[in-house]
Amino acid sequence: MALQAKQILRLQSLLTRNRLSRVTTALDVPKGHLAVYVGENEKKRFIVPVSYLSHPSFQDLLIRAEEEFGFHHPMGGLTIPCEEKAFVALAAHLNAS
């Protein structure tokens, strides 16, 4: 589980290393993935597979995001209101399944 979390963080780091702005563009997100911003105060950008969208646990996060932000996401991309640590744990679980 920790290995998958490290892989997600490594992919996220590689994709955002040369990033100059917070605007999400199609050029910096690999095909089959989407950018999400995670955090309750300070938001951190993650690149996740679109397959996450079909998992009930991830859908619960999307419902929370809709309740908090509606369709206006201040970061310019999908913003998920949960702790970064919890999101990384969920991503690791989804990668393992």
PDB file of N, CA and C in Angstrom:
ATOM      1  N   MET A   1       0.832  -1.185   0.000  1.00  0.00           N
ATOM      2  CA  MET A   1       0.000   0.000   0.000  1.00  0.00           C
ATOM      3  C   MET A   1       0.881   1.254   0.000  1.00  0.00           C
ATOM      4  N   ALA A   2       1.929   1.262   0.788  1.00  0.00           N
ATOM      5  CA  ALA A   2       2.815   2.421   0.830  1.00  0.00           C
ATOM      6  C   ALA A   2       3.536   2.601  -0.501  1.00  0.00           C
ATOM      7  N   LEU A   3       3.837   1.498  -1.190  1.00  0.00           N
ATOM      8  CA  LEU A   3       4.513   1.573  -2.480  1.00  0.00           C
ATOM      9  C   LEU A   3       3.638   2.290  -3.501  1.00  0.00           C
ATOM     10  N   GLN A   4       2.338   1.978  -3.548  1.00  0.00           N
ATOM     11  CA  GLN A   4       1.437   2.645  -4.481  1.00  0.00           C
ATOM     12  C   GLN A   4       1.317   4.122  -4.158  1.00  0.00           C
ATOM     13  N   ALA A   5       1.262   4.468  -2.896  1.00  0.00           N
ATOM     14  CA  ALA A   5       1.179   5.879  -2.505  1.00  0.00           C
ATOM     15  C   ALA A   5       2.426   6.617  -2.955  1.00  0.00           C
ATOM     16  N   LYS A   6       3.594   5.986  -2.800  1.00  0.00           N
ATOM     17  CA  LYS A   6       4.835   6.610  -3.244  1.00  0.00           C
ATOM     18  C   LYS A   6       4.839   6.788  -4.760  1.00  0.00           C
ATOM     19  N   GLN A   7       4.278   5.809  -5.489  1.00  0.00           N
ATOM     20  CA  GLN A   7       4.219   5.924  -6.946  1.00  0.00           C
ATOM     21  C   GLN A   7       3.328   7.084  -7.361  1.00  0.00           C
ATOM     22  N   ILE A   8       2.212   7.273  -6.697  1.00  0.00           N
ATOM     23  CA  ILE A   8       1.319   8.388  -7.000  1.00  0.00           C
ATOM     24  C   ILE A   8       2.026   9.709  -6.736  1.00  0.00           C
ATOM     25  N   LEU A   9       2.693   9.798  -5.593  1.00  0.00           N
ATOM     26  CA  LEU A   9       3.399  11.029  -5.258  1.00  0.00           C
ATOM     27  C   LEU A   9       4.535  11.294  -6.237  1.00  0.00           C
ATOM     28  N   ARG A  10       5.224  10.246  -6.681  1.00  0.00           N
ATOM     29  CA  ARG A  10       6.315  10.412  -7.639  1.00  0.00           C
ATOM     30  C   ARG A  10       5.763  10.911  -8.970  1.00  0.00           C
ATOM     31  N   LEU A  11       4.666  10.323  -9.461  1.00  0.00           N
ATOM     32  CA  LEU A  11       4.045  10.770 -10.705  1.00  0.00           C
ATOM     33  C   LEU A  11       3.595  12.216 -10.577  1.00  0.00           C
ATOM     34  N   GLN A  12       2.982  12.533  -9.444  1.00  0.00           N
ATOM     35  CA  GLN A  12       2.525  13.905  -9.218  1.00  0.00           C
ATOM     36  C   GLN A  12       3.694  14.864  -9.221  1.00  0.00           C
ATOM     37  N   SER A  13       4.785  14.489  -8.594  1.00  0.00           N
ATOM     38  CA  SER A  13       5.955  15.342  -8.531  1.00  0.00           C
ATOM     39  C   SER A  13       6.560  15.564  -9.915  1.00  0.00           C
ATOM     40  N   LEU A  14       6.666  14.507 -10.691  1.00  0.00           N
ATOM     41  CA  LEU A  14       7.225  14.627 -12.043  1.00  0.00           C
ATOM     42  C   LEU A  14       6.388  15.534 -12.924  1.00  0.00           C
ATOM     43  N   LEU A  15       5.086  15.423 -12.788  1.00  0.00           N
ATOM     44  CA  LEU A  15       4.199  16.192 -13.659  1.00  0.00           C
ATOM     45  C   LEU A  15       4.087  17.650 -13.260  1.00  0.00           C
ATOM     46  N   THR A  16       4.401  17.984 -12.021  1.00  0.00           N
ATOM     47  CA  THR A  16       4.254  19.369 -11.580  1.00  0.00           C
ATOM     48  C   THR A  16       5.575  20.087 -11.381  1.00  0.00           C
ATOM     49  N   ARG A  17       6.688  19.397 -11.577  1.00  0.00           N
ATOM     50  CA  ARG A  17       8.004  19.983 -11.306  1.00  0.00           C
ATOM     51  C   ARG A  17       8.236  21.270 -12.099  1.00  0.00           C
ATOM     52  N   ASN A  18       7.918  21.281 -13.379  1.00  0.00           N
ATOM     53  CA  ASN A  18       8.188  22.428 -14.233  1.00  0.00           C
ATOM     54  C   ASN A  18       6.975  23.335 -14.402  1.00  0.00           C
ATOM     55  N   ARG A  19       6.007  23.163 -13.593  1.00  0.00           N
ATOM     56  CA  ARG A  19       4.757  23.899 -13.709  1.00  0.00           C
ATOM     57  C   ARG A  19       4.912  25.334 -13.201  1.00  0.00           C
ATOM     58  N   LEU A  20       4.480  26.312 -14.021  1.00  0.00           N
ATOM     59  CA  LEU A  20       4.619  27.713 -13.642  1.00  0.00           C
ATOM     60  C   LEU A  20       3.320  28.308 -13.110  1.00  0.00           C
ATOM     61  N   SER A  21       2.187  27.705 -13.451  1.00  0.00           N
ATOM     62  CA  SER A  21       0.918  28.251 -12.977  1.00  0.00           C
ATOM     63  C   SER A  21       0.050  27.126 -12.454  1.00  0.00           C
ATOM     64  N   ARG A  22      -1.035  27.482 -11.809  1.00  0.00           N
ATOM     65  CA  ARG A  22      -1.948  26.486 -11.263  1.00  0.00           C
ATOM     66  C   ARG A  22      -3.035  26.084 -12.253  1.00  0.00           C
ATOM     67  N   VAL A  23      -3.047  26.667 -13.438  1.00  0.00           N
ATOM     68  CA  VAL A  23      -4.080  26.350 -14.416  1.00  0.00           C
ATOM     69  C   VAL A  23      -3.794  24.974 -14.990  1.00  0.00           C
ATOM     70  N   THR A  24      -4.775  24.097 -14.918  1.00  0.00           N
ATOM     71  CA  THR A  24      -4.626  22.755 -15.453  1.00  0.00           C
ATOM     72  C   THR A  24      -4.783  22.799 -16.961  1.00  0.00           C
ATOM     73  N   THR A  25      -3.832  22.226 -17.671  1.00  0.00           N
ATOM     74  CA  THR A  25      -3.935  22.138 -19.119  1.00  0.00           C
ATOM     75  C   THR A  25      -3.883  20.688 -19.530  1.00  0.00           C
ATOM     76  N   ALA A  26      -4.409  20.407 -20.692  1.00  0.00           N
ATOM     77  CA  ALA A  26      -4.397  19.039 -21.199  1.00  0.00           C
ATOM     78  C   ALA A  26      -2.977  18.563 -21.452  1.00  0.00           C
ATOM     79  N   LEU A  27      -2.037  19.470 -21.648  1.00  0.00           N
ATOM     80  CA  LEU A  27      -0.665  19.090 -21.978  1.00  0.00           C
ATOM     81  C   LEU A  27       0.078  18.460 -20.822  1.00  0.00           C
ATOM     82  N   ASP A  28      -0.262  18.789 -19.599  1.00  0.00           N
ATOM     83  CA  ASP A  28       0.495  18.258 -18.465  1.00  0.00           C
ATOM     84  C   ASP A  28      -0.226  17.139 -17.719  1.00  0.00           C
ATOM     85  N   VAL A  29      -1.323  16.661 -18.276  1.00  0.00           N
ATOM     86  CA  VAL A  29      -2.052  15.551 -17.678  1.00  0.00           C
ATOM     87  C   VAL A  29      -2.075  14.417 -18.703  1.00  0.00           C
ATOM     88  N   PRO A  30      -1.490  13.267 -18.364  1.00  0.00           N
ATOM     89  CA  PRO A  30      -1.461  12.156 -19.317  1.00  0.00           C
ATOM     90  C   PRO A  30      -2.867  11.687 -19.689  1.00  0.00           C
ATOM     91  N   LYS A  31      -2.991  11.164 -20.878  1.00  0.00           N
ATOM     92  CA  LYS A  31      -4.264  10.617 -21.329  1.00  0.00           C
ATOM     93  C   LYS A  31      -4.728   9.545 -20.348  1.00  0.00           C
ATOM     94  N   GLY A  32      -6.010   9.578 -20.012  1.00  0.00           N
ATOM     95  CA  GLY A  32      -6.558   8.609 -19.075  1.00  0.00           C
ATOM     96  C   GLY A  32      -6.426   9.021 -17.627  1.00  0.00           C
ATOM     97  N   HIS A  33      -6.010  10.258 -17.375  1.00  0.00           N
ATOM     98  CA  HIS A  33      -5.831  10.775 -16.021  1.00  0.00           C
ATOM     99  C   HIS A  33      -6.521  12.125 -15.890  1.00  0.00           C
ATOM    100  N   LEU A  34      -6.678  12.592 -14.665  1.00  0.00           N
ATOM    101  CA  LEU A  34      -7.198  13.920 -14.411  1.00  0.00           C
ATOM    102  C   LEU A  34      -6.476  14.532 -13.223  1.00  0.00           C
ATOM    103  N   ALA A  35      -6.452  15.846 -13.220  1.00  0.00           N
ATOM    104  CA  ALA A  35      -5.821  16.565 -12.118  1.00  0.00           C
ATOM    105  C   ALA A  35      -6.879  16.870 -11.065  1.00  0.00           C
ATOM    106  N   VAL A  36      -6.522  16.662  -9.811  1.00  0.00           N
ATOM    107  CA  VAL A  36      -7.398  17.026  -8.698  1.00  0.00           C
ATOM    108  C   VAL A  36      -6.559  17.788  -7.681  1.00  0.00           C
ATOM    109  N   TYR A  37      -7.209  18.673  -6.966  1.00  0.00           N
ATOM    110  CA  TYR A  37      -6.561  19.429  -5.893  1.00  0.00           C
ATOM    111  C   TYR A  37      -7.133  18.929  -4.580  1.00  0.00           C
ATOM    112  N   VAL A  38      -6.254  18.585  -3.667  1.00  0.00           N
ATOM    113  CA  VAL A  38      -6.664  17.943  -2.418  1.00  0.00           C
ATOM    114  C   VAL A  38      -6.112  18.723  -1.237  1.00  0.00           C
ATOM    115  N   GLY A  39      -6.939  18.851  -0.226  1.00  0.00           N
ATOM    116  CA  GLY A  39      -6.506  19.485   1.016  1.00  0.00           C
ATOM    117  C   GLY A  39      -7.624  20.316   1.590  1.00  0.00           C
ATOM    118  N   GLU A  40      -7.574  20.502   2.882  1.00  0.00           N
ATOM    119  CA  GLU A  40      -8.608  21.296   3.531  1.00  0.00           C
ATOM    120  C   GLU A  40      -8.222  22.768   3.572  1.00  0.00           C
ATOM    121  N   ASN A  41      -6.962  23.065   3.732  1.00  0.00           N
ATOM    122  CA  ASN A  41      -6.500  24.457   3.725  1.00  0.00           C
ATOM    123  C   ASN A  41      -5.600  24.681   2.517  1.00  0.00           C
ATOM    124  N   GLU A  42      -4.402  24.167   2.587  1.00  0.00           N
ATOM    125  CA  GLU A  42      -3.479  24.280   1.462  1.00  0.00           C
ATOM    126  C   GLU A  42      -3.762  23.136   0.489  1.00  0.00           C
ATOM    127  N   LYS A  43      -4.000  23.457  -0.762  1.00  0.00           N
ATOM    128  CA  LYS A  43      -4.350  22.448  -1.760  1.00  0.00           C
ATOM    129  C   LYS A  43      -3.098  21.944  -2.465  1.00  0.00           C
ATOM    130  N   LYS A  44      -3.025  20.628  -2.662  1.00  0.00           N
ATOM    131  CA  LYS A  44      -1.925  20.012  -3.381  1.00  0.00           C
ATOM    132  C   LYS A  44      -2.503  19.302  -4.604  1.00  0.00           C
ATOM    133  N   ARG A  45      -1.806  19.416  -5.721  1.00  0.00           N
ATOM    134  CA  ARG A  45      -2.285  18.857  -6.982  1.00  0.00           C
ATOM    135  C   ARG A  45      -1.818  17.413  -7.129  1.00  0.00           C
ATOM    136  N   PHE A  46      -2.759  16.534  -7.516  1.00  0.00           N
ATOM    137  CA  PHE A  46      -2.468  15.134  -7.788  1.00  0.00           C
ATOM    138  C   PHE A  46      -2.999  14.791  -9.171  1.00  0.00           C
ATOM    139  N   ILE A  47      -2.326  13.879  -9.838  1.00  0.00           N
ATOM    140  CA  ILE A  47      -2.779  13.350 -11.113  1.00  0.00           C
ATOM    141  C   ILE A  47      -3.245  11.925 -10.835  1.00  0.00           C
ATOM    142  N   VAL A  48      -4.515  11.632 -11.134  1.00  0.00           N
ATOM    143  CA  VAL A  48      -5.069  10.318 -10.830  1.00  0.00           C
ATOM    144  C   VAL A  48      -5.691   9.718 -12.086  1.00  0.00           C
ATOM    145  N   PRO A  49      -5.750   8.394 -12.159  1.00  0.00           N
ATOM    146  CA  PRO A  49      -6.401   7.740 -13.303  1.00  0.00           C
ATOM    147  C   PRO A  49      -7.904   8.005 -13.300  1.00  0.00           C
ATOM    148  N   VAL A  50      -8.499   8.142 -14.480  1.00  0.00           N
ATOM    149  CA  VAL A  50      -9.943   8.371 -14.553  1.00  0.00           C
ATOM    150  C   VAL A  50     -10.714   7.159 -14.039  1.00  0.00           C
ATOM    151  N   SER A  51     -10.077   6.004 -13.963  1.00  0.00           N
ATOM    152  CA  SER A  51     -10.749   4.815 -13.435  1.00  0.00           C
ATOM    153  C   SER A  51     -11.189   5.007 -11.987  1.00  0.00           C
ATOM    154  N   TYR A  52     -10.543   5.929 -11.263  1.00  0.00           N
ATOM    155  CA  TYR A  52     -10.949   6.221  -9.885  1.00  0.00           C
ATOM    156  C   TYR A  52     -12.400   6.698  -9.825  1.00  0.00           C
ATOM    157  N   LEU A  53     -12.869   7.335 -10.876  1.00  0.00           N
ATOM    158  CA  LEU A  53     -14.212   7.921 -10.871  1.00  0.00           C
ATOM    159  C   LEU A  53     -15.308   6.879 -10.666  1.00  0.00           C
ATOM    160  N   SER A  54     -15.034   5.630 -10.984  1.00  0.00           N
ATOM    161  CA  SER A  54     -16.051   4.583 -10.851  1.00  0.00           C
ATOM    162  C   SER A  54     -16.048   3.906  -9.484  1.00  0.00           C
ATOM    163  N   HIS A  55     -15.088   4.199  -8.644  1.00  0.00           N
ATOM    164  CA  HIS A  55     -15.010   3.572  -7.327  1.00  0.00           C
ATOM    165  C   HIS A  55     -15.907   4.310  -6.327  1.00  0.00           C
ATOM    166  N   PRO A  56     -16.713   3.561  -5.567  1.00  0.00           N
ATOM    167  CA  PRO A  56     -17.619   4.189  -4.593  1.00  0.00           C
ATOM    168  C   PRO A  56     -16.921   5.114  -3.595  1.00  0.00           C
ATOM    169  N   SER A  57     -15.740   4.768  -3.135  1.00  0.00           N
ATOM    170  CA  SER A  57     -15.036   5.621  -2.169  1.00  0.00           C
ATOM    171  C   SER A  57     -14.664   6.958  -2.788  1.00  0.00           C
ATOM    172  N   PHE A  58     -14.230   6.925  -4.041  1.00  0.00           N
ATOM    173  CA  PHE A  58     -13.878   8.169  -4.722  1.00  0.00           C
ATOM    174  C   PHE A  58     -15.139   8.973  -5.032  1.00  0.00           C
ATOM    175  N   GLN A  59     -16.223   8.279  -5.372  1.00  0.00           N
ATOM    176  CA  GLN A  59     -17.490   8.965  -5.619  1.00  0.00           C
ATOM    177  C   GLN A  59     -17.981   9.677  -4.368  1.00  0.00           C
ATOM    178  N   ASP A  60     -17.729   9.107  -3.187  1.00  0.00           N
ATOM    179  CA  ASP A  60     -18.085   9.791  -1.934  1.00  0.00           C
ATOM    180  C   ASP A  60     -17.341  11.119  -1.823  1.00  0.00           C
ATOM    181  N   LEU A  61     -16.060  11.123  -2.210  1.00  0.00           N
ATOM    182  CA  LEU A  61     -15.296  12.369  -2.196  1.00  0.00           C
ATOM    183  C   LEU A  61     -15.870  13.377  -3.200  1.00  0.00           C
ATOM    184  N   LEU A  62     -16.304  12.887  -4.348  1.00  0.00           N
ATOM    185  CA  LEU A  62     -16.895  13.776  -5.351  1.00  0.00           C
ATOM    186  C   LEU A  62     -18.193  14.397  -4.843  1.00  0.00           C
ATOM    187  N   ILE A  63     -18.969  13.627  -4.106  1.00  0.00           N
ATOM    188  CA  ILE A  63     -20.203  14.159  -3.519  1.00  0.00           C
ATOM    189  C   ILE A  63     -19.868  15.252  -2.514  1.00  0.00           C
ATOM    190  N   ARG A  64     -18.850  15.014  -1.678  1.00  0.00           N
ATOM    191  CA  ARG A  64     -18.416  16.048  -0.721  1.00  0.00           C
ATOM    192  C   ARG A  64     -17.939  17.300  -1.450  1.00  0.00           C
ATOM    193  N   ALA A  65     -17.216  17.103  -2.555  1.00  0.00           N
ATOM    194  CA  ALA A  65     -16.733  18.244  -3.344  1.00  0.00           C
ATOM    195  C   ALA A  65     -17.902  19.028  -3.916  1.00  0.00           C
ATOM    196  N   GLU A  66     -18.913  18.314  -4.408  1.00  0.00           N
ATOM    197  CA  GLU A  66     -20.085  18.998  -4.957  1.00  0.00           C
ATOM    198  C   GLU A  66     -20.819  19.773  -3.870  1.00  0.00           C
ATOM    199  N   GLU A  67     -20.955  19.178  -2.680  1.00  0.00           N
ATOM    200  CA  GLU A  67     -21.640  19.858  -1.584  1.00  0.00           C
ATOM    201  C   GLU A  67     -20.899  21.119  -1.162  1.00  0.00           C
ATOM    202  N   GLU A  68     -19.570  21.073  -1.172  1.00  0.00           N
ATOM    203  CA  GLU A  68     -18.794  22.221  -0.718  1.00  0.00           C
ATOM    204  C   GLU A  68     -18.598  23.276  -1.795  1.00  0.00           C
ATOM    205  N   PHE A  69     -18.331  22.845  -3.038  1.00  0.00           N
ATOM    206  CA  PHE A  69     -17.973  23.788  -4.085  1.00  0.00           C
ATOM    207  C   PHE A  69     -18.996  23.910  -5.208  1.00  0.00           C
ATOM    208  N   GLY A  70     -19.984  23.008  -5.282  1.00  0.00           N
ATOM    209  CA  GLY A  70     -20.878  23.003  -6.430  1.00  0.00           C
ATOM    210  C   GLY A  70     -20.060  22.713  -7.674  1.00  0.00           C
ATOM    211  N   PHE A  71     -20.264  23.512  -8.697  1.00  0.00           N
ATOM    212  CA  PHE A  71     -19.485  23.324  -9.911  1.00  0.00           C
ATOM    213  C   PHE A  71     -18.438  24.409 -10.075  1.00  0.00           C
ATOM    214  N   HIS A  72     -18.219  25.191  -9.033  1.00  0.00           N
ATOM    215  CA  HIS A  72     -17.186  26.223  -9.046  1.00  0.00           C
ATOM    216  C   HIS A  72     -16.021  25.727  -8.196  1.00  0.00           C
ATOM    217  N   HIS A  73     -14.933  25.402  -8.857  1.00  0.00           N
ATOM    218  CA  HIS A  73     -13.753  24.912  -8.151  1.00  0.00           C
ATOM    219  C   HIS A  73     -12.680  25.986  -8.247  1.00  0.00           C
ATOM    220  N   PRO A  74     -12.356  26.620  -7.139  1.00  0.00           N
ATOM    221  CA  PRO A  74     -11.479  27.789  -7.134  1.00  0.00           C
ATOM    222  C   PRO A  74     -10.063  27.537  -7.650  1.00  0.00           C
ATOM    223  N   MET A  75      -9.619  26.302  -7.670  1.00  0.00           N
ATOM    224  CA  MET A  75      -8.258  26.012  -8.120  1.00  0.00           C
ATOM    225  C   MET A  75      -8.178  25.851  -9.634  1.00  0.00           C
ATOM    226  N   GLY A  76      -9.312  25.902 -10.323  1.00  0.00           N
ATOM    227  CA  GLY A  76      -9.301  25.725 -11.767  1.00  0.00           C
ATOM    228  C   GLY A  76      -9.407  24.273 -12.178  1.00  0.00           C
ATOM    229  N   GLY A  77      -9.458  23.379 -11.239  1.00  0.00           N
ATOM    230  CA  GLY A  77      -9.617  21.949 -11.484  1.00  0.00           C
ATOM    231  C   GLY A  77     -10.464  21.376 -10.374  1.00  0.00           C
ATOM    232  N   LEU A  78     -10.733  20.111 -10.437  1.00  0.00           N
ATOM    233  CA  LEU A  78     -11.550  19.454  -9.432  1.00  0.00           C
ATOM    234  C   LEU A  78     -10.875  19.567  -8.065  1.00  0.00           C
ATOM    235  N   THR A  79     -11.576  20.153  -7.101  1.00  0.00           N
ATOM    236  CA  THR A  79     -11.050  20.334  -5.755  1.00  0.00           C
ATOM    237  C   THR A  79     -11.764  19.377  -4.814  1.00  0.00           C
ATOM    238  N   ILE A  80     -10.991  18.584  -4.084  1.00  0.00           N
ATOM    239  CA  ILE A  80     -11.554  17.587  -3.176  1.00  0.00           C
ATOM    240  C   ILE A  80     -11.234  17.995  -1.743  1.00  0.00           C
ATOM    241  N   PRO A  81     -12.278  18.259  -0.942  1.00  0.00           N
ATOM    242  CA  PRO A  81     -12.067  18.733   0.430  1.00  0.00           C
ATOM    243  C   PRO A  81     -11.830  17.589   1.420  1.00  0.00           C
ATOM    244  N   CYS A  82     -10.621  17.081   1.446  1.00  0.00           N
ATOM    245  CA  CYS A  82     -10.265  16.088   2.461  1.00  0.00           C
ATOM    246  C   CYS A  82      -8.785  16.251   2.769  1.00  0.00           C
ATOM    247  N   GLU A  83      -8.340  15.633   3.822  1.00  0.00           N
ATOM    248  CA  GLU A  83      -6.934  15.719   4.189  1.00  0.00           C
ATOM    249  C   GLU A  83      -6.091  14.985   3.163  1.00  0.00           C
ATOM    250  N   GLU A  84      -4.933  15.553   2.871  1.00  0.00           N
ATOM    251  CA  GLU A  84      -4.024  14.951   1.888  1.00  0.00           C
ATOM    252  C   GLU A  84      -3.664  13.518   2.276  1.00  0.00           C
ATOM    253  N   LYS A  85      -3.395  13.293   3.537  1.00  0.00           N
ATOM    254  CA  LYS A  85      -3.019  11.967   4.031  1.00  0.00           C
ATOM    255  C   LYS A  85      -4.125  10.946   3.748  1.00  0.00           C
ATOM    256  N   ALA A  86      -5.374  11.328   3.963  1.00  0.00           N
ATOM    257  CA  ALA A  86      -6.503  10.436   3.711  1.00  0.00           C
ATOM    258  C   ALA A  86      -6.640  10.155   2.220  1.00  0.00           C
ATOM    259  N   PHE A  87      -6.419  11.178   1.385  1.00  0.00           N
ATOM    260  CA  PHE A  87      -6.515  10.988  -0.054  1.00  0.00           C
ATOM    261  C   PHE A  87      -5.435  10.034  -0.548  1.00  0.00           C
ATOM    262  N   VAL A  88      -4.215  10.179  -0.066  1.00  0.00           N
ATOM    263  CA  VAL A  88      -3.119   9.297  -0.467  1.00  0.00           C
ATOM    264  C   VAL A  88      -3.424   7.859  -0.055  1.00  0.00           C
ATOM    265  N   ALA A  89      -3.975   7.678   1.124  1.00  0.00           N
ATOM    266  CA  ALA A  89      -4.350   6.337   1.584  1.00  0.00           C
ATOM    267  C   ALA A  89      -5.436   5.744   0.690  1.00  0.00           C
ATOM    268  N   LEU A  90      -6.427   6.552   0.326  1.00  0.00           N
ATOM    269  CA  LEU A  90      -7.489   6.067  -0.563  1.00  0.00           C
ATOM    270  C   LEU A  90      -6.915   5.714  -1.923  1.00  0.00           C
ATOM    271  N   ALA A  91      -6.042   6.553  -2.463  1.00  0.00           N
ATOM    272  CA  ALA A  91      -5.436   6.280  -3.763  1.00  0.00           C
ATOM    273  C   ALA A  91      -4.641   4.990  -3.723  1.00  0.00           C
ATOM    274  N   ALA A  92      -3.910   4.755  -2.660  1.00  0.00           N
ATOM    275  CA  ALA A  92      -3.146   3.520  -2.518  1.00  0.00           C
ATOM    276  C   ALA A  92      -4.076   2.311  -2.497  1.00  0.00           C
ATOM    277  N   HIS A  93      -5.198   2.454  -1.786  1.00  0.00           N
ATOM    278  CA  HIS A  93      -6.189   1.369  -1.725  1.00  0.00           C
ATOM    279  C   HIS A  93      -6.781   1.105  -3.110  1.00  0.00           C
ATOM    280  N   LEU A  94      -7.099   2.170  -3.852  1.00  0.00           N
ATOM    281  CA  LEU A  94      -7.680   2.010  -5.178  1.00  0.00           C
ATOM    282  C   LEU A  94      -6.684   1.387  -6.150  1.00  0.00           C
ATOM    283  N   ASN A  95      -5.409   1.728  -6.009  1.00  0.00           N
ATOM    284  CA  ASN A  95      -4.387   1.128  -6.868  1.00  0.00           C
ATOM    285  C   ASN A  95      -4.223  -0.345  -6.590  1.00  0.00           C
ATOM    286  N   ALA A  96      -4.409  -0.735  -5.333  1.00  0.00           N
ATOM    287  CA  ALA A  96      -4.226  -2.130  -4.951  1.00  0.00           C
ATOM    288  C   ALA A  96      -5.379  -3.005  -5.435  1.00  0.00           C
ATOM    289  N   SER A  97      -6.545  -2.383  -5.641  1.00  0.00           N
ATOM    290  CA  SER A  97      -7.712  -3.196  -6.037  1.00  0.00           C
ATOM    291  C   SER A  97      -7.853  -3.307  -7.524  1.00  0.00           C
TER     292      SER A  97
END
